[in-house]
Amino acid sequence: MERKLQLLESFHAEGSDGRTYKVCGYEQMAADPTLQDGQPHWQSTGVAEYRLAEGDVVEVRKDGVMRVRNSGVELRRA
C-alpha cells in the first residue's frame, strides 16, 4: 500500500542538551484504492509521527514527554 506523510504542525522545542530543535508532526496517509478516476486520493491511517526537521524520529510518550530516538535527548515545547 502506498503511503505518504502530511504535515500537521511544527513547533520549536528545548532539548535537555540546551539546544533548540524544530519538531514536525505528521499524519500517515494511505492511498485509497477504491477511487479510480486518475487522481491520487489519500485517507488517514489514524497514525501520527513526530520527527526533527533533520529527520530524526521523536518518540512521544503518553505523558507527553518527547525524546529523540537516536540521541536520547528529551524535548519540551518552547
PDB file of N, CA and C in Angstrom:
ATOM      1  N   MET A   1       0.840  -1.173   0.000  1.00  0.00           N
ATOM      2  CA  MET A   1       0.000   0.000   0.000  1.00  0.00           C
ATOM      3  C   MET A   1       0.889   1.242   0.000  1.00  0.00           C
ATOM      4  N   GLU A   2       0.567   2.170  -0.847  1.00  0.00           N
ATOM      5  CA  GLU A   2       1.333   3.400  -0.964  1.00  0.00           C
ATOM      6  C   GLU A   2       0.978   4.335   0.194  1.00  0.00           C
ATOM      7  N   ARG A   3       2.021   4.955   0.800  1.00  0.00           N
ATOM      8  CA  ARG A   3       1.812   5.841   1.938  1.00  0.00           C
ATOM      9  C   ARG A   3       2.570   7.144   1.741  1.00  0.00           C
ATOM     10  N   LYS A   4       2.101   8.181   2.433  1.00  0.00           N
ATOM     11  CA  LYS A   4       2.815   9.454   2.453  1.00  0.00           C
ATOM     12  C   LYS A   4       2.544  10.129   3.792  1.00  0.00           C
ATOM     13  N   LEU A   5       3.337  11.159   4.092  1.00  0.00           N
ATOM     14  CA  LEU A   5       3.164  11.919   5.318  1.00  0.00           C
ATOM     15  C   LEU A   5       2.568  13.276   4.986  1.00  0.00           C
ATOM     16  N   GLN A   6       1.636  13.717   5.834  1.00  0.00           N
ATOM     17  CA  GLN A   6       1.038  15.039   5.687  1.00  0.00           C
ATOM     18  C   GLN A   6       1.380  15.847   6.937  1.00  0.00           C
ATOM     19  N   LEU A   7       1.984  17.006   6.744  1.00  0.00           N
ATOM     20  CA  LEU A   7       2.380  17.852   7.868  1.00  0.00           C
ATOM     21  C   LEU A   7       1.150  18.366   8.597  1.00  0.00           C
ATOM     22  N   LEU A   8       1.125  18.167   9.921  1.00  0.00           N
ATOM     23  CA  LEU A   8       0.026  18.654  10.748  1.00  0.00           C
ATOM     24  C   LEU A   8       0.423  19.893  11.535  1.00  0.00           C
ATOM     25  N   GLU A   9       1.642  19.898  12.056  1.00  0.00           N
ATOM     26  CA  GLU A   9       2.106  21.001  12.872  1.00  0.00           C
ATOM     27  C   GLU A   9       3.624  21.003  12.932  1.00  0.00           C
ATOM     28  N   SER A  10       4.167  22.159  13.285  1.00  0.00           N
ATOM     29  CA  SER A  10       5.592  22.241  13.585  1.00  0.00           C
ATOM     30  C   SER A  10       5.755  23.235  14.727  1.00  0.00           C
ATOM     31  N   PHE A  11       6.757  22.994  15.549  1.00  0.00           N
ATOM     32  CA  PHE A  11       6.985  23.856  16.705  1.00  0.00           C
ATOM     33  C   PHE A  11       8.437  23.720  17.140  1.00  0.00           C
ATOM     34  N   HIS A  12       8.880  24.675  17.940  1.00  0.00           N
ATOM     35  CA  HIS A  12      10.232  24.617  18.481  1.00  0.00           C
ATOM     36  C   HIS A  12      10.182  23.992  19.869  1.00  0.00           C
ATOM     37  N   ALA A  13      11.220  23.245  20.187  1.00  0.00           N
ATOM     38  CA  ALA A  13      11.320  22.584  21.484  1.00  0.00           C
ATOM     39  C   ALA A  13      12.724  22.769  22.036  1.00  0.00           C
ATOM     40  N   GLU A  14      12.799  22.882  23.348  1.00  0.00           N
ATOM     41  CA  GLU A  14      14.087  22.982  24.039  1.00  0.00           C
ATOM     42  C   GLU A  14      14.546  21.572  24.396  1.00  0.00           C
ATOM     43  N   GLY A  15      15.794  21.260  24.058  1.00  0.00           N
ATOM     44  CA  GLY A  15      16.341  19.951  24.355  1.00  0.00           C
ATOM     45  C   GLY A  15      17.039  19.924  25.696  1.00  0.00           C
ATOM     46  N   SER A  16      17.134  18.742  26.289  1.00  0.00           N
ATOM     47  CA  SER A  16      17.837  18.584  27.565  1.00  0.00           C
ATOM     48  C   SER A  16      19.327  18.885  27.413  1.00  0.00           C
ATOM     49  N   ASP A  17      19.799  19.011  26.171  1.00  0.00           N
ATOM     50  CA  ASP A  17      21.192  19.350  25.896  1.00  0.00           C
ATOM     51  C   ASP A  17      21.387  20.857  25.724  1.00  0.00           C
ATOM     52  N   GLY A  18      20.311  21.649  25.933  1.00  0.00           N
ATOM     53  CA  GLY A  18      20.406  23.096  25.832  1.00  0.00           C
ATOM     54  C   GLY A  18      20.162  23.659  24.440  1.00  0.00           C
ATOM     55  N   ARG A  19      20.012  22.809  23.453  1.00  0.00           N
ATOM     56  CA  ARG A  19      19.775  23.267  22.079  1.00  0.00           C
ATOM     57  C   ARG A  19      18.280  23.422  21.821  1.00  0.00           C
ATOM     58  N   THR A  20      17.954  24.217  20.797  1.00  0.00           N
ATOM     59  CA  THR A  20      16.571  24.377  20.343  1.00  0.00           C
ATOM     60  C   THR A  20      16.396  23.566  19.070  1.00  0.00           C
ATOM     61  N   TYR A  21      15.304  22.826  18.999  1.00  0.00           N
ATOM     62  CA  TYR A  21      15.025  21.950  17.863  1.00  0.00           C
ATOM     63  C   TYR A  21      13.682  22.319  17.241  1.00  0.00           C
ATOM     64  N   LYS A  22      13.568  22.106  15.935  1.00  0.00           N
ATOM     65  CA  LYS A  22      12.277  22.231  15.258  1.00  0.00           C
ATOM     66  C   LYS A  22      11.693  20.826  15.143  1.00  0.00           C
ATOM     67  N   VAL A  23      10.490  20.652  15.666  1.00  0.00           N
ATOM     68  CA  VAL A  23       9.804  19.365  15.649  1.00  0.00           C
ATOM     69  C   VAL A  23       8.623  19.470  14.686  1.00  0.00           C
ATOM     70  N   CYS A  24       8.448  18.461  13.846  1.00  0.00           N
ATOM     71  CA  CYS A  24       7.345  18.417  12.887  1.00  0.00           C
ATOM     72  C   CYS A  24       6.465  17.208  13.184  1.00  0.00           C
ATOM     73  N   GLY A  25       5.157  17.442  13.251  1.00  0.00           N
ATOM     74  CA  GLY A  25       4.194  16.370  13.456  1.00  0.00           C
ATOM     75  C   GLY A  25       3.513  16.032  12.147  1.00  0.00           C
ATOM     76  N   TYR A  26       3.445  14.753  11.842  1.00  0.00           N
ATOM     77  CA  TYR A  26       2.877  14.292  10.575  1.00  0.00           C
ATOM     78  C   TYR A  26       1.776  13.276  10.822  1.00  0.00           C
ATOM     79  N   GLU A  27       0.831  13.227   9.893  1.00  0.00           N
ATOM     80  CA  GLU A  27      -0.180  12.182   9.864  1.00  0.00           C
ATOM     81  C   GLU A  27       0.159  11.251   8.711  1.00  0.00           C
ATOM     82  N   GLN A  28       0.141   9.954   8.968  1.00  0.00           N
ATOM     83  CA  GLN A  28       0.400   8.987   7.897  1.00  0.00           C
ATOM     84  C   GLN A  28      -0.872   8.829   7.070  1.00  0.00           C
ATOM     85  N   MET A  29      -0.711   8.960   5.754  1.00  0.00           N
ATOM     86  CA  MET A  29      -1.820   8.836   4.817  1.00  0.00           C
ATOM     87  C   MET A  29      -1.575   7.625   3.919  1.00  0.00           C
ATOM     88  N   ALA A  30      -2.648   6.949   3.534  1.00  0.00           N
ATOM     89  CA  ALA A  30      -2.553   5.793   2.640  1.00  0.00           C
ATOM     90  C   ALA A  30      -3.391   6.057   1.393  1.00  0.00           C
ATOM     91  N   ALA A  31      -2.899   5.571   0.270  1.00  0.00           N
ATOM     92  CA  ALA A  31      -3.644   5.717  -0.981  1.00  0.00           C
ATOM     93  C   ALA A  31      -4.965   4.963  -0.866  1.00  0.00           C
ATOM     94  N   ASP A  32      -6.028   5.573  -1.373  1.00  0.00           N
ATOM     95  CA  ASP A  32      -7.352   4.954  -1.357  1.00  0.00           C
ATOM     96  C   ASP A  32      -7.563   4.256  -2.698  1.00  0.00           C
ATOM     97  N   PRO A  33      -7.467   2.941  -2.725  1.00  0.00           N
ATOM     98  CA  PRO A  33      -7.572   2.212  -3.993  1.00  0.00           C
ATOM     99  C   PRO A  33      -8.998   2.093  -4.527  1.00  0.00           C
ATOM    100  N   THR A  34      -9.987   2.526  -3.747  1.00  0.00           N
ATOM    101  CA  THR A  34     -11.373   2.377  -4.196  1.00  0.00           C
ATOM    102  C   THR A  34     -11.776   3.436  -5.213  1.00  0.00           C
ATOM    103  N   LEU A  35     -11.020   4.528  -5.296  1.00  0.00           N
ATOM    104  CA  LEU A  35     -11.328   5.591  -6.254  1.00  0.00           C
ATOM    105  C   LEU A  35     -10.370   5.493  -7.423  1.00  0.00           C
ATOM    106  N   GLN A  36     -10.891   5.248  -8.602  1.00  0.00           N
ATOM    107  CA  GLN A  36     -10.081   5.036  -9.800  1.00  0.00           C
ATOM    108  C   GLN A  36     -10.398   6.076 -10.870  1.00  0.00           C
ATOM    109  N   ASP A  37     -10.219   7.362 -10.552  1.00  0.00           N
ATOM    110  CA  ASP A  37     -10.542   8.402 -11.524  1.00  0.00           C
ATOM    111  C   ASP A  37      -9.286   9.072 -12.097  1.00  0.00           C
ATOM    112  N   GLY A  38      -8.126   8.473 -11.892  1.00  0.00           N
ATOM    113  CA  GLY A  38      -6.881   9.021 -12.425  1.00  0.00           C
ATOM    114  C   GLY A  38      -6.223  10.037 -11.520  1.00  0.00           C
ATOM    115  N   GLN A  39      -6.881  10.421 -10.447  1.00  0.00           N
ATOM    116  CA  GLN A  39      -6.327  11.365  -9.482  1.00  0.00           C
ATOM    117  C   GLN A  39      -5.923  10.618  -8.215  1.00  0.00           C
ATOM    118  N   PRO A  40      -4.856  11.066  -7.561  1.00  0.00           N
ATOM    119  CA  PRO A  40      -4.485  10.423  -6.293  1.00  0.00           C
ATOM    120  C   PRO A  40      -5.466  10.811  -5.187  1.00  0.00           C
ATOM    121  N   HIS A  41      -5.916   9.844  -4.430  1.00  0.00           N
ATOM    122  CA  HIS A  41      -6.806  10.067  -3.294  1.00  0.00           C
ATOM    123  C   HIS A  41      -6.161   9.431  -2.073  1.00  0.00           C
ATOM    124  N   TRP A  42      -6.147  10.180  -0.985  1.00  0.00           N
ATOM    125  CA  TRP A  42      -5.477   9.723   0.234  1.00  0.00           C
ATOM    126  C   TRP A  42      -6.453   9.748   1.399  1.00  0.00           C
ATOM    127  N   GLN A  43      -6.261   8.798   2.314  1.00  0.00           N
ATOM    128  CA  GLN A  43      -7.077   8.761   3.520  1.00  0.00           C
ATOM    129  C   GLN A  43      -6.162   8.568   4.721  1.00  0.00           C
ATOM    130  N   SER A  44      -6.601   9.078   5.845  1.00  0.00           N
ATOM    131  CA  SER A  44      -5.814   8.976   7.070  1.00  0.00           C
ATOM    132  C   SER A  44      -5.741   7.529   7.543  1.00  0.00           C
ATOM    133  N   THR A  45      -4.562   7.155   8.054  1.00  0.00           N
ATOM    134  CA  THR A  45      -4.421   5.829   8.667  1.00  0.00           C
ATOM    135  C   THR A  45      -4.676   5.901  10.166  1.00  0.00           C
ATOM    136  N   GLY A  46      -4.815   7.136  10.687  1.00  0.00           N
ATOM    137  CA  GLY A  46      -5.020   7.309  12.125  1.00  0.00           C
ATOM    138  C   GLY A  46      -3.726   7.263  12.922  1.00  0.00           C
ATOM    139  N   VAL A  47      -2.591   7.264  12.223  1.00  0.00           N
ATOM    140  CA  VAL A  47      -1.293   7.191  12.891  1.00  0.00           C
ATOM    141  C   VAL A  47      -0.549   8.514  12.690  1.00  0.00           C
ATOM    142  N   ALA A  48      -0.055   9.068  13.787  1.00  0.00           N
ATOM    143  CA  ALA A  48       0.741  10.293  13.733  1.00  0.00           C
ATOM    144  C   ALA A  48       2.177   9.961  14.109  1.00  0.00           C
ATOM    145  N   GLU A  49       3.111  10.752  13.603  1.00  0.00           N
ATOM    146  CA  GLU A  49       4.508  10.583  13.983  1.00  0.00           C
ATOM    147  C   GLU A  49       5.168  11.950  14.044  1.00  0.00           C
ATOM    148  N   TYR A  50       6.193  12.032  14.862  1.00  0.00           N
ATOM    149  CA  TYR A  50       6.937  13.275  15.025  1.00  0.00           C
ATOM    150  C   TYR A  50       8.389  13.033  14.653  1.00  0.00           C
ATOM    151  N   ARG A  51       8.965  14.048  14.001  1.00  0.00           N
ATOM    152  CA  ARG A  51      10.368  14.000  13.588  1.00  0.00           C
ATOM    153  C   ARG A  51      10.978  15.379  13.756  1.00  0.00           C
ATOM    154  N   LEU A  52      12.294  15.393  13.970  1.00  0.00           N
ATOM    155  CA  LEU A  52      13.005  16.658  13.915  1.00  0.00           C
ATOM    156  C   LEU A  52      13.045  17.118  12.471  1.00  0.00           C
ATOM    157  N   ALA A  53      13.253  18.403  12.243  1.00  0.00           N
ATOM    158  CA  ALA A  53      13.350  18.926  10.880  1.00  0.00           C
ATOM    159  C   ALA A  53      14.448  18.200  10.106  1.00  0.00           C
ATOM    160  N   GLU A  54      15.481  17.706  10.814  1.00  0.00           N
ATOM    161  CA  GLU A  54      16.578  16.977  10.177  1.00  0.00           C
ATOM    162  C   GLU A  54      16.209  15.536   9.851  1.00  0.00           C
ATOM    163  N   GLY A  55      15.062  15.057  10.356  1.00  0.00           N
ATOM    164  CA  GLY A  55      14.595  13.718  10.029  1.00  0.00           C
ATOM    165  C   GLY A  55      14.648  12.708  11.161  1.00  0.00           C
ATOM    166  N   ASP A  56      15.339  13.004  12.256  1.00  0.00           N
ATOM    167  CA  ASP A  56      15.416  12.059  13.368  1.00  0.00           C
ATOM    168  C   ASP A  56      14.032  11.834  13.983  1.00  0.00           C
ATOM    169  N   VAL A  57      13.730  10.593  14.345  1.00  0.00           N
ATOM    170  CA  VAL A  57      12.437  10.239  14.920  1.00  0.00           C
ATOM    171  C   VAL A  57      12.346  10.753  16.354  1.00  0.00           C
ATOM    172  N   VAL A  58      11.199  11.351  16.679  1.00  0.00           N
ATOM    173  CA  VAL A  58      10.914  11.812  18.036  1.00  0.00           C
ATOM    174  C   VAL A  58       9.810  10.923  18.594  1.00  0.00           C
ATOM    175  N   GLU A  59      10.109  10.270  19.705  1.00  0.00           N
ATOM    176  CA  GLU A  59       9.115   9.425  20.356  1.00  0.00           C
ATOM    177  C   GLU A  59       8.345  10.269  21.354  1.00  0.00           C
ATOM    178  N   VAL A  60       7.017  10.131  21.353  1.00  0.00           N
ATOM    179  CA  VAL A  60       6.169  10.878  22.277  1.00  0.00           C
ATOM    180  C   VAL A  60       5.484   9.872  23.190  1.00  0.00           C
ATOM    181  N   ARG A  61       5.763   9.986  24.498  1.00  0.00           N
ATOM    182  CA  ARG A  61       5.138   9.086  25.459  1.00  0.00           C
ATOM    183  C   ARG A  61       3.730   9.551  25.786  1.00  0.00           C
ATOM    184  N   LYS A  62       2.961   8.687  26.404  1.00  0.00           N
ATOM    185  CA  LYS A  62       1.577   9.021  26.759  1.00  0.00           C
ATOM    186  C   LYS A  62       1.494  10.207  27.711  1.00  0.00           C
ATOM    187  N   ASP A  63       2.544  10.419  28.507  1.00  0.00           N
ATOM    188  CA  ASP A  63       2.540  11.553  29.437  1.00  0.00           C
ATOM    189  C   ASP A  63       3.012  12.842  28.766  1.00  0.00           C
ATOM    190  N   GLY A  64       3.280  12.798  27.441  1.00  0.00           N
ATOM    191  CA  GLY A  64       3.652  13.977  26.682  1.00  0.00           C
ATOM    192  C   GLY A  64       5.143  14.236  26.575  1.00  0.00           C
ATOM    193  N   VAL A  65       5.949  13.453  27.262  1.00  0.00           N
ATOM    194  CA  VAL A  65       7.398  13.634  27.186  1.00  0.00           C
ATOM    195  C   VAL A  65       7.887  13.192  25.812  1.00  0.00           C
ATOM    196  N   MET A  66       8.710  14.038  25.188  1.00  0.00           N
ATOM    197  CA  MET A  66       9.257  13.737  23.864  1.00  0.00           C
ATOM    198  C   MET A  66      10.742  13.430  24.004  1.00  0.00           C
ATOM    199  N   ARG A  67      11.207  12.435  23.227  1.00  0.00           N
ATOM    200  CA  ARG A  67      12.613  12.047  23.259  1.00  0.00           C
ATOM    201  C   ARG A  67      13.073  11.723  21.855  1.00  0.00           C
ATOM    202  N   VAL A  68      14.263  12.239  21.494  1.00  0.00           N
ATOM    203  CA  VAL A  68      14.849  11.934  20.190  1.00  0.00           C
ATOM    204  C   VAL A  68      15.392  10.516  20.264  1.00  0.00           C
ATOM    205  N   ARG A  69      14.927   9.652  19.375  1.00  0.00           N
ATOM    206  CA  ARG A  69      15.253   8.229  19.441  1.00  0.00           C
ATOM    207  C   ARG A  69      16.761   7.960  19.387  1.00  0.00           C
ATOM    208  N   ASN A  70      17.469   8.568  18.455  1.00  0.00           N
ATOM    209  CA  ASN A  70      18.897   8.244  18.260  1.00  0.00           C
ATOM    210  C   ASN A  70      19.799   8.788  19.347  1.00  0.00           C
ATOM    211  N   SER A  71      19.445   9.925  19.942  1.00  0.00           N
ATOM    212  CA  SER A  71      20.354  10.570  20.894  1.00  0.00           C
ATOM    213  C   SER A  71      19.887  10.485  22.337  1.00  0.00           C
ATOM    214  N   GLY A  72      18.601  10.242  22.569  1.00  0.00           N
ATOM    215  CA  GLY A  72      18.074  10.201  23.921  1.00  0.00           C
ATOM    216  C   GLY A  72      17.777  11.573  24.509  1.00  0.00           C
ATOM    217  N   VAL A  73      17.983  12.638  23.728  1.00  0.00           N
ATOM    218  CA  VAL A  73      17.714  13.991  24.200  1.00  0.00           C
ATOM    219  C   VAL A  73      16.214  14.147  24.436  1.00  0.00           C
ATOM    220  N   GLU A  74      15.840  14.644  25.612  1.00  0.00           N
ATOM    221  CA  GLU A  74      14.438  14.905  25.895  1.00  0.00           C
ATOM    222  C   GLU A  74      14.092  16.310  25.443  1.00  0.00           C
ATOM    223  N   LEU A  75      12.871  16.474  24.928  1.00  0.00           N
ATOM    224  CA  LEU A  75      12.420  17.751  24.383  1.00  0.00           C
ATOM    225  C   LEU A  75      11.208  18.256  25.140  1.00  0.00           C
ATOM    226  N   ARG A  76      11.126  19.583  25.228  1.00  0.00           N
ATOM    227  CA  ARG A  76       9.982  20.241  25.846  1.00  0.00           C
ATOM    228  C   ARG A  76       9.586  21.408  24.945  1.00  0.00           C
ATOM    229  N   ARG A  77       8.290  21.523  24.644  1.00  0.00           N
ATOM    230  CA  ARG A  77       7.828  22.630  23.785  1.00  0.00           C
ATOM    231  C   ARG A  77       8.306  23.953  24.337  1.00  0.00           C
ATOM    232  N   ALA A  78       8.790  24.804  23.430  1.00  0.00           N
ATOM    233  CA  ALA A  78       9.285  26.130  23.826  1.00  0.00           C
ATOM    234  C   ALA A  78       8.125  27.087  24.034  1.00  0.00           C
TER     235      ALA A  78
END
